[in-house]
Amino acid sequence: MKTFKTLDELAACAGQEITVTDWYTVTQQHIDQFADATDDHQWIHVDPERAKEGPFGATIAHGYLTLSMLAGFFDRSISVQGVRMGINYGLNKVRFMAPVPSGSRLRVRVNLLSATPIEGGTQMAWLCTIEREGSGKPVCVAESLSRYYV
């Protein structure tokens, strides 16, 4: 866990890599639960037997599941003291560059692109590169926006 004592301390790190998270395993249970929550039950995600014969040889995580995991990665890896709350503000750009087979271990490289003052706090733009263990290619690259309020 990377802890910043103040929002200004974090903002001063703009242009730098802030953290590389711990590895996290994406299980078939995660994939199935996401399918239930989003009503996206395409066989490539939820039918292990059929997916064995598919293009990836196994079920794969939904791209949006991979993207949504950013919230947990941030929560487990970055802490800013002295803020009232932090919120997700949106995304500027997202690309799904490689599949995430069930059982994959993922981590995120987090770079702070910018810190912009807003009323009551700071808006952060983050470059998030989600990596799969054993792969030379990222599975997802996203520019994520968050707002921290003091």
N, C-alpha and C. Protein backbone atom coordinates (compact mmCIF):
# COMPACT_ATOMS: atom_id res chain seq x y z
N MET A 1 0.86 -1.18 0.00
CA MET A 1 0.00 0.00 0.00
C MET A 1 0.90 1.23 0.00
N LYS A 2 0.71 2.06 -1.00
CA LYS A 2 1.43 3.34 -1.08
C LYS A 2 0.54 4.40 -0.42
N THR A 3 1.05 5.03 0.66
CA THR A 3 0.26 6.00 1.41
C THR A 3 0.84 7.39 1.23
N PHE A 4 -0.05 8.32 0.90
CA PHE A 4 0.33 9.72 0.79
C PHE A 4 -0.29 10.46 1.97
N LYS A 5 0.49 11.32 2.60
CA LYS A 5 0.01 12.03 3.79
C LYS A 5 -0.98 13.13 3.44
N THR A 6 -0.84 13.67 2.23
CA THR A 6 -1.75 14.74 1.80
C THR A 6 -2.04 14.59 0.30
N LEU A 7 -3.08 15.24 -0.11
CA LEU A 7 -3.43 15.28 -1.53
C LEU A 7 -2.35 16.01 -2.32
N ASP A 8 -1.77 17.04 -1.75
CA ASP A 8 -0.69 17.77 -2.41
C ASP A 8 0.54 16.88 -2.62
N GLU A 9 0.82 16.01 -1.66
CA GLU A 9 1.95 15.09 -1.80
C GLU A 9 1.73 14.16 -2.99
N LEU A 10 0.51 13.66 -3.15
CA LEU A 10 0.20 12.83 -4.31
C LEU A 10 0.28 13.65 -5.59
N ALA A 11 -0.31 14.83 -5.60
CA ALA A 11 -0.33 15.67 -6.80
C ALA A 11 1.08 16.00 -7.27
N ALA A 12 2.02 16.12 -6.35
CA ALA A 12 3.40 16.43 -6.70
C ALA A 12 4.08 15.30 -7.48
N CYS A 13 3.44 14.13 -7.51
CA CYS A 13 4.00 12.97 -8.21
C CYS A 13 3.52 12.87 -9.66
N ALA A 14 2.82 13.89 -10.15
CA ALA A 14 2.34 13.86 -11.53
C ALA A 14 3.50 13.60 -12.48
N GLY A 15 3.26 12.70 -13.44
CA GLY A 15 4.29 12.32 -14.39
C GLY A 15 5.10 11.11 -13.97
N GLN A 16 4.77 10.53 -12.81
CA GLN A 16 5.55 9.41 -12.28
C GLN A 16 4.72 8.14 -12.14
N GLU A 17 5.41 7.01 -12.13
CA GLU A 17 4.75 5.75 -11.77
C GLU A 17 4.53 5.80 -10.26
N ILE A 18 3.30 5.54 -9.85
CA ILE A 18 2.93 5.62 -8.44
C ILE A 18 3.06 4.26 -7.76
N THR A 19 2.62 3.22 -8.45
CA THR A 19 2.67 1.90 -7.84
C THR A 19 2.53 0.82 -8.91
N VAL A 20 2.96 -0.37 -8.56
CA VAL A 20 2.65 -1.60 -9.28
C VAL A 20 1.98 -2.48 -8.25
N THR A 21 0.74 -2.87 -8.51
CA THR A 21 -0.04 -3.59 -7.51
C THR A 21 0.44 -5.03 -7.35
N ASP A 22 -0.07 -5.66 -6.32
CA ASP A 22 0.14 -7.10 -6.14
C ASP A 22 -0.67 -7.84 -7.20
N TRP A 23 -0.29 -9.08 -7.44
CA TRP A 23 -1.02 -9.94 -8.38
C TRP A 23 -2.37 -10.33 -7.78
N TYR A 24 -3.36 -10.48 -8.64
CA TYR A 24 -4.71 -10.87 -8.24
C TYR A 24 -5.22 -11.89 -9.25
N THR A 25 -5.75 -13.01 -8.76
CA THR A 25 -6.22 -14.07 -9.63
C THR A 25 -7.68 -13.86 -10.02
N VAL A 26 -7.95 -13.93 -11.31
CA VAL A 26 -9.31 -13.84 -11.83
C VAL A 26 -9.83 -15.27 -11.99
N THR A 27 -10.82 -15.61 -11.18
CA THR A 27 -11.35 -16.98 -11.18
C THR A 27 -12.59 -17.09 -12.06
N GLN A 28 -12.97 -18.32 -12.35
CA GLN A 28 -14.21 -18.53 -13.09
C GLN A 28 -15.40 -18.02 -12.29
N GLN A 29 -15.33 -18.11 -10.97
CA GLN A 29 -16.41 -17.58 -10.13
C GLN A 29 -16.56 -16.08 -10.34
N HIS A 30 -15.45 -15.33 -10.41
CA HIS A 30 -15.53 -13.89 -10.70
C HIS A 30 -16.23 -13.65 -12.03
N ILE A 31 -15.83 -14.43 -13.04
CA ILE A 31 -16.39 -14.27 -14.38
C ILE A 31 -17.88 -14.57 -14.38
N ASP A 32 -18.27 -15.66 -13.73
CA ASP A 32 -19.68 -16.04 -13.66
C ASP A 32 -20.51 -14.99 -12.92
N GLN A 33 -19.98 -14.48 -11.82
CA GLN A 33 -20.70 -13.46 -11.06
C GLN A 33 -20.86 -12.18 -11.88
N PHE A 34 -19.84 -11.82 -12.65
CA PHE A 34 -19.95 -10.65 -13.50
C PHE A 34 -20.98 -10.88 -14.60
N ALA A 35 -20.99 -12.08 -15.16
CA ALA A 35 -21.99 -12.43 -16.18
C ALA A 35 -23.40 -12.29 -15.60
N ASP A 36 -23.59 -12.78 -14.38
CA ASP A 36 -24.91 -12.66 -13.74
C ASP A 36 -25.28 -11.20 -13.50
N ALA A 37 -24.31 -10.40 -13.05
CA ALA A 37 -24.59 -8.99 -12.73
C ALA A 37 -24.90 -8.17 -13.98
N THR A 38 -24.31 -8.54 -15.11
CA THR A 38 -24.48 -7.75 -16.33
C THR A 38 -25.39 -8.41 -17.36
N ASP A 39 -25.81 -9.62 -17.08
CA ASP A 39 -26.64 -10.39 -18.00
C ASP A 39 -25.93 -10.65 -19.34
N ASP A 40 -24.61 -10.81 -19.26
CA ASP A 40 -23.79 -11.13 -20.43
C ASP A 40 -23.24 -12.54 -20.24
N HIS A 41 -23.99 -13.51 -20.75
CA HIS A 41 -23.64 -14.92 -20.56
C HIS A 41 -23.10 -15.56 -21.84
N GLN A 42 -22.36 -14.80 -22.63
CA GLN A 42 -21.78 -15.37 -23.85
C GLN A 42 -20.91 -16.57 -23.48
N TRP A 43 -20.98 -17.62 -24.29
CA TRP A 43 -20.30 -18.88 -23.98
C TRP A 43 -18.80 -18.72 -23.77
N ILE A 44 -18.16 -17.79 -24.43
CA ILE A 44 -16.72 -17.62 -24.29
C ILE A 44 -16.34 -17.24 -22.85
N HIS A 45 -17.32 -16.75 -22.10
CA HIS A 45 -17.08 -16.37 -20.71
C HIS A 45 -17.53 -17.44 -19.72
N VAL A 46 -18.64 -18.12 -20.00
CA VAL A 46 -19.28 -18.93 -18.95
C VAL A 46 -19.39 -20.43 -19.25
N ASP A 47 -18.96 -20.88 -20.40
CA ASP A 47 -19.08 -22.30 -20.74
C ASP A 47 -17.69 -22.90 -20.93
N PRO A 48 -17.07 -23.39 -19.84
CA PRO A 48 -15.70 -23.91 -19.93
C PRO A 48 -15.52 -25.03 -20.95
N GLU A 49 -16.50 -25.91 -21.07
CA GLU A 49 -16.36 -27.01 -22.03
C GLU A 49 -16.34 -26.50 -23.47
N ARG A 50 -17.27 -25.66 -23.81
CA ARG A 50 -17.32 -25.10 -25.17
C ARG A 50 -16.11 -24.20 -25.43
N ALA A 51 -15.70 -23.44 -24.42
CA ALA A 51 -14.59 -22.50 -24.58
C ALA A 51 -13.26 -23.22 -24.83
N LYS A 52 -13.15 -24.48 -24.36
CA LYS A 52 -11.93 -25.25 -24.65
C LYS A 52 -11.68 -25.35 -26.15
N GLU A 53 -12.77 -25.39 -26.91
CA GLU A 53 -12.67 -25.51 -28.37
C GLU A 53 -12.64 -24.15 -29.06
N GLY A 54 -12.75 -23.08 -28.28
CA GLY A 54 -12.78 -21.73 -28.83
C GLY A 54 -11.39 -21.19 -29.12
N PRO A 55 -11.32 -19.95 -29.50
CA PRO A 55 -10.05 -19.36 -29.94
C PRO A 55 -9.00 -19.20 -28.84
N PHE A 56 -9.40 -19.25 -27.57
CA PHE A 56 -8.45 -19.03 -26.48
C PHE A 56 -8.20 -20.28 -25.65
N GLY A 57 -8.91 -21.36 -25.93
CA GLY A 57 -8.70 -22.62 -25.24
C GLY A 57 -9.26 -22.68 -23.83
N ALA A 58 -9.94 -21.64 -23.41
CA ALA A 58 -10.52 -21.56 -22.07
C ALA A 58 -11.49 -20.39 -22.05
N THR A 59 -12.27 -20.31 -21.00
CA THR A 59 -13.12 -19.12 -20.85
C THR A 59 -12.22 -17.91 -20.60
N ILE A 60 -12.75 -16.75 -20.96
CA ILE A 60 -12.01 -15.51 -20.73
C ILE A 60 -12.90 -14.53 -19.98
N ALA A 61 -12.27 -13.66 -19.24
CA ALA A 61 -12.99 -12.61 -18.52
C ALA A 61 -13.57 -11.61 -19.51
N HIS A 62 -14.71 -11.06 -19.17
CA HIS A 62 -15.28 -9.95 -19.94
C HIS A 62 -14.29 -8.79 -19.88
N GLY A 63 -14.18 -8.05 -20.98
CA GLY A 63 -13.32 -6.87 -20.96
C GLY A 63 -13.74 -5.89 -19.87
N TYR A 64 -15.06 -5.72 -19.72
CA TYR A 64 -15.54 -4.78 -18.71
C TYR A 64 -15.31 -5.28 -17.28
N LEU A 65 -15.22 -6.59 -17.10
CA LEU A 65 -14.83 -7.11 -15.78
C LEU A 65 -13.39 -6.69 -15.50
N THR A 66 -12.53 -6.91 -16.47
CA THR A 66 -11.12 -6.52 -16.30
C THR A 66 -11.02 -5.04 -15.96
N LEU A 67 -11.74 -4.21 -16.70
CA LEU A 67 -11.72 -2.77 -16.46
C LEU A 67 -12.25 -2.42 -15.07
N SER A 68 -13.35 -3.06 -14.67
CA SER A 68 -13.97 -2.74 -13.38
C SER A 68 -13.08 -3.11 -12.21
N MET A 69 -12.14 -4.01 -12.42
CA MET A 69 -11.23 -4.41 -11.35
C MET A 69 -10.29 -3.28 -10.93
N LEU A 70 -10.20 -2.23 -11.75
CA LEU A 70 -9.35 -1.09 -11.38
C LEU A 70 -9.73 -0.52 -10.02
N ALA A 71 -11.02 -0.46 -9.72
CA ALA A 71 -11.45 0.11 -8.44
C ALA A 71 -10.82 -0.65 -7.27
N GLY A 72 -10.86 -1.96 -7.30
CA GLY A 72 -10.26 -2.76 -6.23
C GLY A 72 -8.75 -2.64 -6.19
N PHE A 73 -8.12 -2.61 -7.36
CA PHE A 73 -6.67 -2.43 -7.39
C PHE A 73 -6.28 -1.11 -6.73
N PHE A 74 -7.00 -0.04 -7.05
CA PHE A 74 -6.71 1.26 -6.43
C PHE A 74 -6.92 1.18 -4.93
N ASP A 75 -8.02 0.59 -4.51
CA ASP A 75 -8.35 0.52 -3.08
C ASP A 75 -7.29 -0.25 -2.29
N ARG A 76 -6.72 -1.28 -2.90
CA ARG A 76 -5.71 -2.10 -2.21
C ARG A 76 -4.30 -1.55 -2.33
N SER A 77 -4.09 -0.49 -3.14
CA SER A 77 -2.70 -0.10 -3.38
C SER A 77 -2.37 1.36 -3.13
N ILE A 78 -3.36 2.26 -3.10
CA ILE A 78 -3.08 3.68 -2.91
C ILE A 78 -4.01 4.24 -1.83
N SER A 79 -3.42 4.95 -0.89
CA SER A 79 -4.19 5.59 0.17
C SER A 79 -3.75 7.05 0.26
N VAL A 80 -4.73 7.94 0.37
CA VAL A 80 -4.44 9.36 0.55
C VAL A 80 -5.10 9.79 1.85
N GLN A 81 -4.30 10.20 2.80
CA GLN A 81 -4.82 10.66 4.08
C GLN A 81 -5.34 12.08 3.94
N GLY A 82 -6.28 12.44 4.78
CA GLY A 82 -6.77 13.80 4.81
C GLY A 82 -7.77 14.14 3.72
N VAL A 83 -8.29 13.12 3.03
CA VAL A 83 -9.34 13.38 2.04
C VAL A 83 -10.66 12.87 2.59
N ARG A 84 -11.71 13.59 2.26
CA ARG A 84 -13.05 13.23 2.72
C ARG A 84 -13.58 12.04 1.94
N MET A 85 -13.32 12.06 0.61
CA MET A 85 -13.76 10.94 -0.22
C MET A 85 -13.07 11.02 -1.58
N GLY A 86 -13.05 9.88 -2.24
CA GLY A 86 -12.58 9.80 -3.61
C GLY A 86 -13.66 9.15 -4.45
N ILE A 87 -13.81 9.61 -5.68
CA ILE A 87 -14.82 9.03 -6.57
C ILE A 87 -14.22 8.76 -7.95
N ASN A 88 -14.78 7.78 -8.63
CA ASN A 88 -14.45 7.58 -10.03
C ASN A 88 -15.18 8.64 -10.83
N TYR A 89 -14.47 9.32 -11.72
CA TYR A 89 -15.08 10.39 -12.50
C TYR A 89 -15.32 9.96 -13.95
N GLY A 90 -14.56 8.98 -14.41
CA GLY A 90 -14.78 8.51 -15.78
C GLY A 90 -13.51 8.00 -16.41
N LEU A 91 -13.59 7.83 -17.71
CA LEU A 91 -12.47 7.30 -18.49
C LEU A 91 -12.31 8.14 -19.74
N ASN A 92 -11.08 8.37 -20.13
CA ASN A 92 -10.83 9.08 -21.38
C ASN A 92 -10.58 8.12 -22.53
N LYS A 93 -9.93 7.01 -22.24
CA LYS A 93 -9.58 6.07 -23.30
C LYS A 93 -9.38 4.69 -22.67
N VAL A 94 -9.92 3.68 -23.34
CA VAL A 94 -9.76 2.30 -22.87
C VAL A 94 -9.49 1.42 -24.08
N ARG A 95 -8.54 0.51 -23.94
CA ARG A 95 -8.27 -0.48 -24.98
C ARG A 95 -8.09 -1.84 -24.32
N PHE A 96 -8.76 -2.86 -24.88
CA PHE A 96 -8.60 -4.24 -24.43
C PHE A 96 -7.68 -4.91 -25.44
N MET A 97 -6.46 -5.18 -25.03
CA MET A 97 -5.41 -5.57 -25.97
C MET A 97 -5.12 -7.06 -26.02
N ALA A 98 -5.58 -7.79 -25.02
CA ALA A 98 -5.32 -9.23 -24.98
C ALA A 98 -6.35 -9.87 -24.05
N PRO A 99 -6.65 -11.15 -24.28
CA PRO A 99 -7.64 -11.84 -23.44
C PRO A 99 -7.11 -12.13 -22.04
N VAL A 100 -8.05 -12.36 -21.12
CA VAL A 100 -7.74 -12.75 -19.74
C VAL A 100 -8.39 -14.11 -19.49
N PRO A 101 -7.67 -15.21 -19.75
CA PRO A 101 -8.25 -16.53 -19.48
C PRO A 101 -8.53 -16.71 -17.98
N SER A 102 -9.57 -17.46 -17.69
CA SER A 102 -9.89 -17.80 -16.30
C SER A 102 -8.65 -18.37 -15.63
N GLY A 103 -8.41 -17.92 -14.41
CA GLY A 103 -7.24 -18.38 -13.66
C GLY A 103 -6.02 -17.48 -13.84
N SER A 104 -6.12 -16.48 -14.69
CA SER A 104 -5.00 -15.55 -14.91
C SER A 104 -4.74 -14.72 -13.68
N ARG A 105 -3.50 -14.35 -13.53
CA ARG A 105 -3.11 -13.41 -12.46
C ARG A 105 -2.83 -12.06 -13.11
N LEU A 106 -3.47 -11.02 -12.57
CA LEU A 106 -3.34 -9.67 -13.10
C LEU A 106 -2.73 -8.74 -12.06
N ARG A 107 -2.09 -7.70 -12.56
CA ARG A 107 -1.65 -6.59 -11.73
C ARG A 107 -1.75 -5.33 -12.56
N VAL A 108 -1.62 -4.17 -11.90
CA VAL A 108 -1.75 -2.90 -12.60
C VAL A 108 -0.55 -2.01 -12.32
N ARG A 109 -0.01 -1.43 -13.37
CA ARG A 109 0.98 -0.34 -13.25
C ARG A 109 0.19 0.96 -13.30
N VAL A 110 0.39 1.79 -12.30
CA VAL A 110 -0.38 3.02 -12.17
C VAL A 110 0.57 4.22 -12.27
N ASN A 111 0.33 5.04 -13.29
CA ASN A 111 1.08 6.28 -13.47
C ASN A 111 0.12 7.45 -13.29
N LEU A 112 0.54 8.44 -12.53
CA LEU A 112 -0.26 9.65 -12.38
C LEU A 112 0.10 10.59 -13.52
N LEU A 113 -0.84 10.80 -14.43
CA LEU A 113 -0.59 11.66 -15.58
C LEU A 113 -0.69 13.14 -15.22
N SER A 114 -1.72 13.48 -14.44
CA SER A 114 -1.91 14.89 -14.08
C SER A 114 -2.76 14.99 -12.82
N ALA A 115 -2.62 16.14 -12.18
CA ALA A 115 -3.42 16.48 -11.01
C ALA A 115 -3.91 17.91 -11.22
N THR A 116 -5.23 18.07 -11.34
CA THR A 116 -5.82 19.36 -11.66
C THR A 116 -6.73 19.81 -10.52
N PRO A 117 -6.49 21.00 -9.98
CA PRO A 117 -7.37 21.49 -8.92
C PRO A 117 -8.81 21.65 -9.42
N ILE A 118 -9.75 21.24 -8.59
CA ILE A 118 -11.18 21.44 -8.84
C ILE A 118 -11.77 22.01 -7.56
N GLU A 119 -12.99 22.46 -7.63
CA GLU A 119 -13.62 23.00 -6.43
C GLU A 119 -13.69 21.93 -5.34
N GLY A 120 -13.03 22.17 -4.24
CA GLY A 120 -13.07 21.27 -3.10
C GLY A 120 -12.09 20.11 -3.16
N GLY A 121 -11.24 20.06 -4.18
CA GLY A 121 -10.32 18.94 -4.25
C GLY A 121 -9.43 18.95 -5.48
N THR A 122 -9.14 17.75 -5.95
CA THR A 122 -8.22 17.58 -7.08
C THR A 122 -8.73 16.45 -7.98
N GLN A 123 -8.65 16.68 -9.29
CA GLN A 123 -8.96 15.62 -10.26
C GLN A 123 -7.63 15.02 -10.73
N MET A 124 -7.57 13.70 -10.66
CA MET A 124 -6.38 12.97 -11.08
C MET A 124 -6.67 12.22 -12.38
N ALA A 125 -5.72 12.25 -13.29
CA ALA A 125 -5.77 11.42 -14.49
C ALA A 125 -4.67 10.37 -14.33
N TRP A 126 -5.08 9.11 -14.45
CA TRP A 126 -4.18 7.98 -14.22
C TRP A 126 -4.03 7.18 -15.51
N LEU A 127 -2.83 6.74 -15.82
CA LEU A 127 -2.61 5.76 -16.87
C LEU A 127 -2.48 4.42 -16.17
N CYS A 128 -3.43 3.53 -16.45
CA CYS A 128 -3.48 2.22 -15.81
C CYS A 128 -3.19 1.15 -16.85
N THR A 129 -2.14 0.40 -16.64
CA THR A 129 -1.76 -0.67 -17.55
C THR A 129 -1.95 -1.99 -16.82
N ILE A 130 -2.96 -2.75 -17.23
CA ILE A 130 -3.26 -4.02 -16.58
C ILE A 130 -2.47 -5.12 -17.30
N GLU A 131 -1.64 -5.80 -16.53
CA GLU A 131 -0.75 -6.83 -17.06
C GLU A 131 -1.21 -8.21 -16.61
N ARG A 132 -1.00 -9.20 -17.48
CA ARG A 132 -1.27 -10.60 -17.14
C ARG A 132 0.06 -11.31 -16.95
N GLU A 133 0.19 -12.02 -15.85
CA GLU A 133 1.42 -12.74 -15.56
C GLU A 133 1.76 -13.69 -16.72
N GLY A 134 3.00 -13.63 -17.18
CA GLY A 134 3.45 -14.51 -18.24
C GLY A 134 3.20 -13.98 -19.65
N SER A 135 2.57 -12.83 -19.75
CA SER A 135 2.28 -12.25 -21.07
C SER A 135 3.14 -11.01 -21.26
N GLY A 136 3.67 -10.84 -22.44
CA GLY A 136 4.47 -9.67 -22.74
C GLY A 136 3.63 -8.49 -23.20
N LYS A 137 2.32 -8.69 -23.28
CA LYS A 137 1.42 -7.66 -23.79
C LYS A 137 0.38 -7.32 -22.72
N PRO A 138 0.11 -6.03 -22.50
CA PRO A 138 -0.94 -5.68 -21.53
C PRO A 138 -2.30 -6.23 -21.98
N VAL A 139 -3.16 -6.52 -21.01
CA VAL A 139 -4.51 -6.97 -21.36
C VAL A 139 -5.46 -5.79 -21.51
N CYS A 140 -5.13 -4.68 -20.83
CA CYS A 140 -5.97 -3.48 -20.91
C CYS A 140 -5.12 -2.27 -20.56
N VAL A 141 -5.34 -1.20 -21.29
CA VAL A 141 -4.73 0.08 -20.97
C VAL A 141 -5.86 1.10 -20.91
N ALA A 142 -5.93 1.84 -19.81
CA ALA A 142 -7.03 2.79 -19.62
C ALA A 142 -6.51 4.07 -18.98
N GLU A 143 -7.05 5.18 -19.45
CA GLU A 143 -6.84 6.44 -18.77
C GLU A 143 -8.07 6.69 -17.92
N SER A 144 -7.86 6.62 -16.63
CA SER A 144 -8.94 6.71 -15.65
C SER A 144 -8.88 8.06 -14.93
N LEU A 145 -10.05 8.61 -14.67
CA LEU A 145 -10.14 9.87 -13.95
C LEU A 145 -10.76 9.65 -12.59
N SER A 146 -10.20 10.26 -11.58
CA SER A 146 -10.79 10.20 -10.25
C SER A 146 -10.73 11.60 -9.63
N ARG A 147 -11.61 11.79 -8.67
CA ARG A 147 -11.64 13.06 -7.95
C ARG A 147 -11.53 12.77 -6.46
N TYR A 148 -10.66 13.54 -5.83
CA TYR A 148 -10.48 13.47 -4.39
C TYR A 148 -10.94 14.78 -3.80
N TYR A 149 -11.74 14.68 -2.74
CA TYR A 149 -12.29 15.87 -2.09
C TYR A 149 -11.76 15.96 -0.66
N VAL A 150 -11.37 17.17 -0.27
CA VAL A 150 -10.84 17.39 1.09
C VAL A 150 -11.91 17.98 1.99
